[in-house]
Amino acid sequence: MEALLLSTGLVALAEIGDKTQLLALLLAARFRKPWPIAWGILVATLANHALAGSVGLLVARWLTDDILRWVLGIGFLAMAVWMLIPDQLDAQPETQGRWGVFGTTCVLFFLAEMGDKTQLATVALAAQFNAWFPVVAGTTLGMMIANAPAVWLGDRMAHRLPVRAIHLGAAALLAVLGVWALWGW
């Protein structure tokens, strides 16, 4: 239960102002079809985080406890610093193309999550807890908690959130996890 709750909260906080949340806002403004966008986000996130959780379990099995502790500790601290750097969306979808809104959302979200801090957090959390299902379920739920409202409420909601304060809180949580891992707690 700890892995599920921590994964959900951490990713929900980390996702505020992230490039994938900006992508959700952009898709909502462009296509104005919230249901296929939300389903596309869910499917893409499940696929991406399932892969990341599997990598996390492999890392946990391949590395000795001491090396894993150092990798996780330094990784969480690096993600804490990365959290303080604002994200900007690199690419904008021009049209929905032949895949439709759902397919376009799936492809764009899956690609946008590659190498993203929430994907790396999924790898690290799966390795730390040595648990696939609760971590993947939690990180996916966290993504939906942050992105589904962005799809339905759009820009009005995003401008009212204290994004900087949320990023500072998420960075602090990641730093605590890093110190926790380094100390072997």
N, C-alpha and C. Protein backbone atom coordinates (compact mmCIF):
# COMPACT_ATOMS: atom_id res chain seq x y z
N MET A 1 0.83 -1.19 0.00
CA MET A 1 0.00 0.00 0.00
C MET A 1 0.87 1.26 0.00
N GLU A 2 2.01 1.17 0.70
CA GLU A 2 2.93 2.32 0.76
C GLU A 2 3.44 2.66 -0.64
N ALA A 3 3.78 1.65 -1.43
CA ALA A 3 4.29 1.88 -2.78
C ALA A 3 3.22 2.54 -3.65
N LEU A 4 1.98 2.09 -3.54
CA LEU A 4 0.88 2.67 -4.31
C LEU A 4 0.65 4.12 -3.94
N LEU A 5 0.54 4.40 -2.65
CA LEU A 5 0.23 5.77 -2.21
C LEU A 5 1.37 6.73 -2.50
N LEU A 6 2.59 6.31 -2.23
CA LEU A 6 3.74 7.17 -2.49
C LEU A 6 3.89 7.43 -3.99
N SER A 7 3.73 6.40 -4.80
CA SER A 7 3.83 6.54 -6.25
C SER A 7 2.76 7.49 -6.79
N THR A 8 1.54 7.34 -6.29
CA THR A 8 0.45 8.21 -6.73
C THR A 8 0.73 9.66 -6.37
N GLY A 9 1.05 9.91 -5.12
CA GLY A 9 1.27 11.29 -4.67
C GLY A 9 2.46 11.93 -5.33
N LEU A 10 3.54 11.20 -5.44
CA LEU A 10 4.75 11.76 -6.03
C LEU A 10 4.54 12.14 -7.49
N VAL A 11 3.95 11.25 -8.26
CA VAL A 11 3.75 11.54 -9.68
C VAL A 11 2.69 12.62 -9.88
N ALA A 12 1.63 12.62 -9.08
CA ALA A 12 0.62 13.67 -9.21
C ALA A 12 1.26 15.04 -8.96
N LEU A 13 2.11 15.14 -7.96
CA LEU A 13 2.80 16.42 -7.70
C LEU A 13 3.81 16.75 -8.80
N ALA A 14 4.58 15.76 -9.20
CA ALA A 14 5.62 15.99 -10.20
C ALA A 14 5.04 16.37 -11.55
N GLU A 15 3.83 15.94 -11.82
CA GLU A 15 3.22 16.16 -13.13
C GLU A 15 2.68 17.58 -13.30
N ILE A 16 2.45 18.30 -12.20
CA ILE A 16 1.93 19.67 -12.29
C ILE A 16 2.96 20.54 -13.02
N GLY A 17 2.56 21.07 -14.16
CA GLY A 17 3.43 21.92 -14.95
C GLY A 17 4.42 21.16 -15.82
N ASP A 18 4.34 19.82 -15.82
CA ASP A 18 5.24 18.99 -16.62
C ASP A 18 4.84 19.09 -18.10
N LYS A 19 5.76 18.70 -18.98
CA LYS A 19 5.48 18.81 -20.42
C LYS A 19 4.28 17.96 -20.83
N THR A 20 4.04 16.83 -20.16
CA THR A 20 2.88 16.03 -20.53
C THR A 20 1.58 16.69 -20.08
N GLN A 21 1.62 17.44 -18.99
CA GLN A 21 0.42 18.19 -18.62
C GLN A 21 0.19 19.33 -19.61
N LEU A 22 1.26 19.96 -20.05
CA LEU A 22 1.14 20.98 -21.08
C LEU A 22 0.60 20.36 -22.38
N LEU A 23 1.03 19.15 -22.68
CA LEU A 23 0.52 18.45 -23.85
C LEU A 23 -0.97 18.17 -23.70
N ALA A 24 -1.41 17.76 -22.51
CA ALA A 24 -2.83 17.53 -22.26
C ALA A 24 -3.63 18.80 -22.50
N LEU A 25 -3.12 19.93 -22.02
CA LEU A 25 -3.79 21.22 -22.25
C LEU A 25 -3.85 21.54 -23.74
N LEU A 26 -2.76 21.31 -24.43
CA LEU A 26 -2.68 21.59 -25.86
C LEU A 26 -3.65 20.72 -26.65
N LEU A 27 -3.69 19.43 -26.33
CA LEU A 27 -4.61 18.52 -27.02
C LEU A 27 -6.06 18.90 -26.75
N ALA A 28 -6.35 19.27 -25.51
CA ALA A 28 -7.72 19.67 -25.15
C ALA A 28 -8.14 20.92 -25.92
N ALA A 29 -7.23 21.87 -26.03
CA ALA A 29 -7.54 23.11 -26.75
C ALA A 29 -7.67 22.85 -28.26
N ARG A 30 -6.84 21.96 -28.76
CA ARG A 30 -6.81 21.69 -30.21
C ARG A 30 -8.01 20.86 -30.65
N PHE A 31 -8.31 19.78 -29.92
CA PHE A 31 -9.32 18.84 -30.40
C PHE A 31 -10.69 19.00 -29.73
N ARG A 32 -10.71 19.52 -28.52
CA ARG A 32 -11.96 19.74 -27.77
C ARG A 32 -12.82 18.46 -27.67
N LYS A 33 -12.14 17.35 -27.45
CA LYS A 33 -12.80 16.05 -27.25
C LYS A 33 -12.17 15.40 -26.03
N PRO A 34 -12.67 15.72 -24.83
CA PRO A 34 -11.99 15.28 -23.61
C PRO A 34 -11.94 13.76 -23.40
N TRP A 35 -12.99 13.02 -23.76
CA TRP A 35 -12.98 11.59 -23.48
C TRP A 35 -11.91 10.83 -24.27
N PRO A 36 -11.80 11.00 -25.59
CA PRO A 36 -10.73 10.27 -26.28
C PRO A 36 -9.34 10.71 -25.84
N ILE A 37 -9.20 11.97 -25.45
CA ILE A 37 -7.90 12.45 -24.96
C ILE A 37 -7.57 11.78 -23.62
N ALA A 38 -8.54 11.75 -22.71
CA ALA A 38 -8.31 11.12 -21.40
C ALA A 38 -8.00 9.63 -21.55
N TRP A 39 -8.74 8.93 -22.40
CA TRP A 39 -8.47 7.50 -22.62
C TRP A 39 -7.10 7.30 -23.26
N GLY A 40 -6.74 8.19 -24.18
CA GLY A 40 -5.42 8.10 -24.80
C GLY A 40 -4.29 8.30 -23.79
N ILE A 41 -4.49 9.25 -22.88
CA ILE A 41 -3.50 9.48 -21.82
C ILE A 41 -3.37 8.23 -20.94
N LEU A 42 -4.51 7.64 -20.58
CA LEU A 42 -4.49 6.44 -19.73
C LEU A 42 -3.77 5.28 -20.41
N VAL A 43 -4.10 5.00 -21.64
CA VAL A 43 -3.49 3.87 -22.36
C VAL A 43 -1.98 4.11 -22.54
N ALA A 44 -1.60 5.30 -22.96
CA ALA A 44 -0.18 5.61 -23.17
C ALA A 44 0.59 5.53 -21.86
N THR A 45 0.01 6.05 -20.79
CA THR A 45 0.68 6.02 -19.49
C THR A 45 0.82 4.60 -18.97
N LEU A 46 -0.23 3.80 -19.10
CA LEU A 46 -0.13 2.40 -18.67
C LEU A 46 0.98 1.67 -19.42
N ALA A 47 1.05 1.86 -20.73
CA ALA A 47 2.08 1.19 -21.52
C ALA A 47 3.47 1.67 -21.12
N ASN A 48 3.63 2.98 -21.00
CA ASN A 48 4.93 3.55 -20.69
C ASN A 48 5.39 3.17 -19.29
N HIS A 49 4.50 3.28 -18.31
CA HIS A 49 4.88 3.01 -16.93
C HIS A 49 5.00 1.51 -16.66
N ALA A 50 4.27 0.68 -17.41
CA ALA A 50 4.47 -0.77 -17.29
C ALA A 50 5.88 -1.14 -17.73
N LEU A 51 6.32 -0.54 -18.81
CA LEU A 51 7.68 -0.76 -19.28
C LEU A 51 8.70 -0.24 -18.25
N ALA A 52 8.46 0.96 -17.73
CA ALA A 52 9.38 1.56 -16.75
C ALA A 52 9.42 0.74 -15.46
N GLY A 53 8.26 0.26 -15.00
CA GLY A 53 8.22 -0.57 -13.80
C GLY A 53 8.98 -1.87 -14.00
N SER A 54 8.89 -2.44 -15.19
CA SER A 54 9.63 -3.67 -15.50
C SER A 54 11.13 -3.41 -15.47
N VAL A 55 11.55 -2.29 -16.01
CA VAL A 55 12.97 -1.93 -15.97
C VAL A 55 13.42 -1.75 -14.52
N GLY A 56 12.57 -1.13 -13.71
CA GLY A 56 12.90 -0.94 -12.29
C GLY A 56 13.10 -2.26 -11.57
N LEU A 57 12.26 -3.24 -11.86
CA LEU A 57 12.41 -4.57 -11.23
C LEU A 57 13.70 -5.24 -11.69
N LEU A 58 14.03 -5.10 -12.97
CA LEU A 58 15.27 -5.68 -13.48
C LEU A 58 16.48 -5.03 -12.82
N VAL A 59 16.43 -3.73 -12.67
CA VAL A 59 17.53 -3.01 -12.01
C VAL A 59 17.69 -3.50 -10.58
N ALA A 60 16.56 -3.67 -9.89
CA ALA A 60 16.62 -4.13 -8.50
C ALA A 60 17.21 -5.53 -8.40
N ARG A 61 16.97 -6.37 -9.40
CA ARG A 61 17.50 -7.75 -9.37
C ARG A 61 18.96 -7.82 -9.78
N TRP A 62 19.38 -6.93 -10.68
CA TRP A 62 20.74 -6.98 -11.20
C TRP A 62 21.76 -6.35 -10.28
N LEU A 63 21.37 -5.35 -9.52
CA LEU A 63 22.33 -4.62 -8.71
C LEU A 63 22.36 -5.14 -7.29
N THR A 64 23.52 -5.08 -6.67
CA THR A 64 23.61 -5.45 -5.26
C THR A 64 22.87 -4.40 -4.44
N ASP A 65 22.54 -4.72 -3.21
CA ASP A 65 21.80 -3.79 -2.36
C ASP A 65 22.54 -2.47 -2.18
N ASP A 66 23.85 -2.52 -1.97
CA ASP A 66 24.62 -1.28 -1.77
C ASP A 66 24.63 -0.41 -3.02
N ILE A 67 24.87 -1.03 -4.17
CA ILE A 67 24.89 -0.26 -5.42
C ILE A 67 23.50 0.30 -5.71
N LEU A 68 22.46 -0.51 -5.53
CA LEU A 68 21.10 -0.05 -5.75
C LEU A 68 20.77 1.12 -4.84
N ARG A 69 21.19 1.06 -3.58
CA ARG A 69 20.95 2.14 -2.63
C ARG A 69 21.57 3.44 -3.14
N TRP A 70 22.81 3.38 -3.62
CA TRP A 70 23.48 4.57 -4.12
C TRP A 70 22.85 5.08 -5.42
N VAL A 71 22.51 4.17 -6.32
CA VAL A 71 21.88 4.56 -7.59
C VAL A 71 20.54 5.24 -7.31
N LEU A 72 19.73 4.62 -6.45
CA LEU A 72 18.42 5.21 -6.13
C LEU A 72 18.57 6.55 -5.41
N GLY A 73 19.46 6.59 -4.43
CA GLY A 73 19.65 7.84 -3.68
C GLY A 73 20.07 8.98 -4.57
N ILE A 74 21.09 8.75 -5.39
CA ILE A 74 21.56 9.79 -6.30
C ILE A 74 20.50 10.10 -7.36
N GLY A 75 19.82 9.06 -7.83
CA GLY A 75 18.75 9.26 -8.82
C GLY A 75 17.62 10.13 -8.29
N PHE A 76 17.17 9.85 -7.06
CA PHE A 76 16.10 10.66 -6.48
C PHE A 76 16.57 12.10 -6.25
N LEU A 77 17.80 12.27 -5.80
CA LEU A 77 18.33 13.63 -5.61
C LEU A 77 18.42 14.36 -6.94
N ALA A 78 18.85 13.67 -8.00
CA ALA A 78 18.91 14.29 -9.33
C ALA A 78 17.52 14.68 -9.81
N MET A 79 16.53 13.81 -9.56
CA MET A 79 15.16 14.14 -9.95
C MET A 79 14.63 15.33 -9.15
N ALA A 80 15.06 15.47 -7.90
CA ALA A 80 14.65 16.62 -7.09
C ALA A 80 15.16 17.91 -7.72
N VAL A 81 16.40 17.90 -8.17
CA VAL A 81 16.95 19.08 -8.85
C VAL A 81 16.24 19.31 -10.17
N TRP A 82 16.01 18.24 -10.91
CA TRP A 82 15.33 18.33 -12.21
C TRP A 82 13.92 18.90 -12.04
N MET A 83 13.27 18.58 -10.93
CA MET A 83 11.92 19.08 -10.65
C MET A 83 11.88 20.61 -10.60
N LEU A 84 13.00 21.21 -10.25
CA LEU A 84 13.05 22.66 -10.11
C LEU A 84 13.22 23.37 -11.46
N ILE A 85 13.46 22.62 -12.52
CA ILE A 85 13.62 23.19 -13.86
C ILE A 85 12.28 23.12 -14.57
N PRO A 86 11.70 24.27 -14.96
CA PRO A 86 10.39 24.26 -15.60
C PRO A 86 10.42 23.54 -16.95
N ASP A 87 9.35 22.81 -17.23
CA ASP A 87 9.22 22.10 -18.51
C ASP A 87 8.58 23.02 -19.55
N GLN A 88 8.97 22.80 -20.79
CA GLN A 88 8.32 23.46 -21.91
C GLN A 88 8.02 22.39 -22.94
N LEU A 89 6.89 22.55 -23.60
CA LEU A 89 6.49 21.58 -24.61
C LEU A 89 7.27 21.84 -25.89
N ASP A 90 7.91 20.78 -26.41
CA ASP A 90 8.75 20.92 -27.60
C ASP A 90 7.95 20.90 -28.90
N ALA A 91 7.01 19.99 -29.00
CA ALA A 91 6.29 19.81 -30.26
C ALA A 91 4.80 20.05 -30.07
N GLN A 92 4.17 20.54 -31.11
CA GLN A 92 2.74 20.78 -31.08
C GLN A 92 2.09 19.96 -32.18
N PRO A 93 1.01 19.25 -31.86
CA PRO A 93 0.34 18.49 -32.91
C PRO A 93 -0.37 19.43 -33.87
N GLU A 94 -0.16 19.22 -35.15
CA GLU A 94 -0.80 20.07 -36.16
C GLU A 94 -2.24 19.63 -36.41
N THR A 95 -2.41 18.35 -36.65
CA THR A 95 -3.74 17.82 -36.92
C THR A 95 -3.87 16.48 -36.22
N GLN A 96 -5.08 15.96 -36.20
CA GLN A 96 -5.26 14.66 -35.58
C GLN A 96 -4.84 13.54 -36.50
N GLY A 97 -4.67 13.80 -37.77
CA GLY A 97 -4.17 12.80 -38.71
C GLY A 97 -5.10 11.62 -38.85
N ARG A 98 -4.58 10.54 -39.37
CA ARG A 98 -5.40 9.37 -39.63
C ARG A 98 -5.69 8.55 -38.38
N TRP A 99 -4.99 8.82 -37.28
CA TRP A 99 -5.17 8.04 -36.06
C TRP A 99 -6.32 8.54 -35.21
N GLY A 100 -6.83 9.69 -35.48
CA GLY A 100 -7.89 10.27 -34.68
C GLY A 100 -7.34 10.86 -33.39
N VAL A 101 -8.22 11.40 -32.60
CA VAL A 101 -7.83 12.05 -31.36
C VAL A 101 -7.21 11.05 -30.38
N PHE A 102 -7.85 9.89 -30.21
CA PHE A 102 -7.35 8.86 -29.29
C PHE A 102 -5.96 8.39 -29.70
N GLY A 103 -5.78 8.00 -30.94
CA GLY A 103 -4.49 7.50 -31.41
C GLY A 103 -3.40 8.56 -31.34
N THR A 104 -3.74 9.77 -31.73
CA THR A 104 -2.77 10.87 -31.66
C THR A 104 -2.33 11.10 -30.22
N THR A 105 -3.29 11.09 -29.30
CA THR A 105 -2.97 11.29 -27.88
C THR A 105 -2.09 10.15 -27.37
N CYS A 106 -2.43 8.91 -27.72
CA CYS A 106 -1.61 7.76 -27.27
C CYS A 106 -0.17 7.90 -27.72
N VAL A 107 0.03 8.17 -28.99
CA VAL A 107 1.39 8.25 -29.54
C VAL A 107 2.14 9.43 -28.93
N LEU A 108 1.52 10.60 -28.89
CA LEU A 108 2.21 11.78 -28.37
C LEU A 108 2.53 11.63 -26.88
N PHE A 109 1.61 11.09 -26.11
CA PHE A 109 1.86 10.93 -24.67
C PHE A 109 2.93 9.88 -24.41
N PHE A 110 2.87 8.78 -25.12
CA PHE A 110 3.88 7.74 -24.92
C PHE A 110 5.27 8.31 -25.22
N LEU A 111 5.40 9.01 -26.32
CA LEU A 111 6.70 9.58 -26.69
C LEU A 111 7.13 10.68 -25.74
N ALA A 112 6.19 11.51 -25.30
CA ALA A 112 6.52 12.60 -24.38
C ALA A 112 7.00 12.07 -23.03
N GLU A 113 6.52 10.90 -22.63
CA GLU A 113 6.91 10.31 -21.35
C GLU A 113 8.28 9.63 -21.41
N MET A 114 8.79 9.35 -22.59
CA MET A 114 10.08 8.67 -22.71
C MET A 114 11.18 9.56 -22.12
N GLY A 115 11.84 9.06 -21.10
CA GLY A 115 12.91 9.81 -20.46
C GLY A 115 12.44 10.94 -19.56
N ASP A 116 11.14 11.05 -19.36
CA ASP A 116 10.58 12.10 -18.51
C ASP A 116 10.79 11.75 -17.05
N LYS A 117 10.74 12.76 -16.20
CA LYS A 117 10.99 12.50 -14.77
C LYS A 117 9.98 11.54 -14.16
N THR A 118 8.73 11.54 -14.63
CA THR A 118 7.76 10.60 -14.06
C THR A 118 8.05 9.17 -14.51
N GLN A 119 8.59 8.99 -15.71
CA GLN A 119 8.99 7.65 -16.15
C GLN A 119 10.19 7.18 -15.33
N LEU A 120 11.14 8.06 -15.14
CA LEU A 120 12.32 7.69 -14.34
C LEU A 120 11.94 7.45 -12.88
N ALA A 121 10.98 8.22 -12.39
CA ALA A 121 10.50 7.99 -11.02
C ALA A 121 9.85 6.61 -10.92
N THR A 122 9.13 6.20 -11.96
CA THR A 122 8.51 4.87 -11.97
C THR A 122 9.58 3.78 -11.91
N VAL A 123 10.64 3.95 -12.68
CA VAL A 123 11.75 3.00 -12.64
C VAL A 123 12.33 2.93 -11.22
N ALA A 124 12.62 4.11 -10.66
CA ALA A 124 13.24 4.16 -9.33
C ALA A 124 12.32 3.61 -8.24
N LEU A 125 11.04 3.95 -8.29
CA LEU A 125 10.11 3.46 -7.27
C LEU A 125 9.92 1.95 -7.36
N ALA A 126 9.83 1.42 -8.59
CA ALA A 126 9.69 -0.03 -8.76
C ALA A 126 10.93 -0.74 -8.22
N ALA A 127 12.10 -0.14 -8.46
CA ALA A 127 13.34 -0.75 -7.94
C ALA A 127 13.39 -0.64 -6.42
N GLN A 128 13.01 0.51 -5.88
CA GLN A 128 13.09 0.70 -4.44
C GLN A 128 12.13 -0.22 -3.69
N PHE A 129 10.90 -0.31 -4.16
CA PHE A 129 9.91 -1.14 -3.46
C PHE A 129 9.90 -2.58 -3.95
N ASN A 130 10.65 -2.85 -5.03
CA ASN A 130 10.67 -4.18 -5.65
C ASN A 130 9.24 -4.67 -5.87
N ALA A 131 8.43 -3.75 -6.42
CA ALA A 131 7.01 -4.03 -6.63
C ALA A 131 6.57 -3.40 -7.95
N TRP A 132 6.00 -4.20 -8.82
CA TRP A 132 5.60 -3.70 -10.14
C TRP A 132 4.18 -3.13 -10.10
N PHE A 133 3.21 -3.96 -9.71
CA PHE A 133 1.80 -3.54 -9.82
C PHE A 133 1.47 -2.29 -9.01
N PRO A 134 1.81 -2.23 -7.71
CA PRO A 134 1.42 -1.03 -6.96
C PRO A 134 2.10 0.24 -7.47
N VAL A 135 3.32 0.11 -7.95
CA VAL A 135 4.03 1.29 -8.46
C VAL A 135 3.43 1.75 -9.78
N VAL A 136 3.22 0.82 -10.71
CA VAL A 136 2.64 1.18 -12.01
C VAL A 136 1.23 1.71 -11.83
N ALA A 137 0.45 1.07 -10.97
CA ALA A 137 -0.91 1.56 -10.70
C ALA A 137 -0.86 2.96 -10.08
N GLY A 138 0.05 3.16 -9.14
CA GLY A 138 0.16 4.46 -8.47
C GLY A 138 0.65 5.56 -9.39
N THR A 139 1.68 5.29 -10.18
CA THR A 139 2.18 6.34 -11.06
C THR A 139 1.17 6.66 -12.16
N THR A 140 0.45 5.64 -12.64
CA THR A 140 -0.59 5.89 -13.64
C THR A 140 -1.73 6.70 -13.03
N LEU A 141 -2.13 6.35 -11.82
CA LEU A 141 -3.17 7.12 -11.13
C LEU A 141 -2.72 8.56 -10.90
N GLY A 142 -1.47 8.74 -10.50
CA GLY A 142 -0.94 10.09 -10.32
C GLY A 142 -0.97 10.90 -11.61
N MET A 143 -0.62 10.26 -12.72
CA MET A 143 -0.69 10.94 -14.02
C MET A 143 -2.12 11.35 -14.34
N MET A 144 -3.07 10.48 -14.07
CA MET A 144 -4.47 10.80 -14.37
C MET A 144 -5.00 11.88 -13.44
N ILE A 145 -4.59 11.86 -12.18
CA ILE A 145 -5.02 12.90 -11.24
C ILE A 145 -4.56 14.27 -11.72
N ALA A 146 -3.35 14.34 -12.26
CA ALA A 146 -2.82 15.62 -12.72
C ALA A 146 -3.33 16.00 -14.11
N ASN A 147 -3.49 15.03 -15.00
CA ASN A 147 -3.78 15.36 -16.39
C ASN A 147 -5.26 15.38 -16.76
N ALA A 148 -6.09 14.54 -16.12
CA ALA A 148 -7.51 14.53 -16.47
C ALA A 148 -8.16 15.90 -16.21
N PRO A 149 -7.91 16.53 -15.06
CA PRO A 149 -8.49 17.87 -14.88
C PRO A 149 -7.98 18.87 -15.93
N ALA A 150 -6.73 18.71 -16.34
CA ALA A 150 -6.18 19.61 -17.36
C ALA A 150 -6.95 19.45 -18.67
N VAL A 151 -7.36 18.23 -18.97
CA VAL A 151 -8.12 17.99 -20.20
C VAL A 151 -9.49 18.65 -20.12
N TRP A 152 -10.16 18.54 -18.99
CA TRP A 152 -11.52 19.07 -18.88
C TRP A 152 -11.56 20.55 -18.51
N LEU A 153 -10.64 21.02 -17.72
CA LEU A 153 -10.70 22.40 -17.27
C LEU A 153 -9.76 23.33 -18.02
N GLY A 154 -8.80 22.75 -18.71
CA GLY A 154 -7.94 23.53 -19.58
C GLY A 154 -7.14 24.60 -18.88
N ASP A 155 -6.88 25.64 -19.60
CA ASP A 155 -6.02 26.72 -19.13
C ASP A 155 -6.53 27.41 -17.87
N ARG A 156 -7.83 27.47 -17.68
CA ARG A 156 -8.37 28.16 -16.50
C ARG A 156 -7.82 27.59 -15.21
N MET A 157 -7.73 26.27 -15.11
CA MET A 157 -7.21 25.63 -13.91
C MET A 157 -5.70 25.78 -13.78
N ALA A 158 -5.00 25.61 -14.88
CA ALA A 158 -3.53 25.60 -14.83
C ALA A 158 -2.97 26.92 -14.33
N HIS A 159 -3.60 28.02 -14.67
CA HIS A 159 -3.08 29.33 -14.26
C HIS A 159 -3.37 29.65 -12.80
N ARG A 160 -4.26 28.90 -12.17
CA ARG A 160 -4.62 29.17 -10.77
C ARG A 160 -3.81 28.34 -9.78
N LEU A 161 -3.14 27.33 -10.25
CA LEU A 161 -2.35 26.47 -9.35
C LEU A 161 -1.00 27.11 -9.04
N PRO A 162 -0.56 26.98 -7.79
CA PRO A 162 0.78 27.49 -7.44
C PRO A 162 1.85 26.50 -7.91
N VAL A 163 2.11 26.50 -9.22
CA VAL A 163 2.98 25.50 -9.83
C VAL A 163 4.36 25.49 -9.19
N ARG A 164 4.92 26.66 -8.92
CA ARG A 164 6.27 26.71 -8.34
C ARG A 164 6.27 26.06 -6.95
N ALA A 165 5.28 26.35 -6.14
CA ALA A 165 5.20 25.77 -4.79
C ALA A 165 5.01 24.25 -4.88
N ILE A 166 4.22 23.79 -5.83
CA ILE A 166 4.00 22.36 -6.00
C ILE A 166 5.30 21.69 -6.43
N HIS A 167 6.04 22.33 -7.34
CA HIS A 167 7.33 21.77 -7.77
C HIS A 167 8.31 21.73 -6.61
N LEU A 168 8.32 22.76 -5.78
CA LEU A 168 9.21 22.76 -4.61
C LEU A 168 8.85 21.62 -3.66
N GLY A 169 7.56 21.40 -3.45
CA GLY A 169 7.12 20.30 -2.59
C GLY A 169 7.51 18.95 -3.15
N ALA A 170 7.32 18.76 -4.47
CA ALA A 170 7.71 17.50 -5.10
C ALA A 170 9.23 17.32 -5.04
N ALA A 171 9.97 18.40 -5.25
CA ALA A 171 11.43 18.32 -5.17
C ALA A 171 11.87 17.93 -3.76
N ALA A 172 11.21 18.51 -2.75
CA ALA A 172 11.53 18.17 -1.37
C ALA A 172 11.24 16.70 -1.08
N LEU A 173 10.11 16.21 -1.59
CA LEU A 173 9.75 14.80 -1.40
C LEU A 173 10.78 13.89 -2.08
N LEU A 174 11.20 14.23 -3.30
CA LEU A 174 12.22 13.45 -3.99
C LEU A 174 13.55 13.49 -3.24
N ALA A 175 13.90 14.66 -2.69
CA ALA A 175 15.15 14.78 -1.93
C ALA A 175 15.09 13.90 -0.67
N VAL A 176 13.94 13.89 -0.01
CA VAL A 176 13.77 13.04 1.18
C VAL A 176 13.92 11.57 0.78
N LEU A 177 13.32 11.17 -0.35
CA LEU A 177 13.47 9.79 -0.81
C LEU A 177 14.93 9.48 -1.13
N GLY A 178 15.64 10.45 -1.71
CA GLY A 178 17.06 10.25 -2.01
C GLY A 178 17.88 10.05 -0.77
N VAL A 179 17.66 10.90 0.22
CA VAL A 179 18.39 10.76 1.49
C VAL A 179 18.00 9.46 2.17
N TRP A 180 16.72 9.14 2.13
CA TRP A 180 16.21 7.90 2.71
C TRP A 180 16.93 6.68 2.09
N ALA A 181 17.04 6.69 0.75
CA ALA A 181 17.71 5.57 0.07
C ALA A 181 19.20 5.54 0.42
N LEU A 182 19.84 6.69 0.45
CA LEU A 182 21.29 6.73 0.73
C LEU A 182 21.59 6.25 2.15
N TRP A 183 20.74 6.57 3.08
CA TRP A 183 20.94 6.16 4.46
C TRP A 183 20.52 4.72 4.70
N GLY A 184 19.85 4.12 3.70
CA GLY A 184 19.45 2.72 3.82
C GLY A 184 18.25 2.49 4.70
N TRP A 185 17.39 3.50 4.80
CA TRP A 185 16.19 3.34 5.64
C TRP A 185 15.21 2.54 4.90
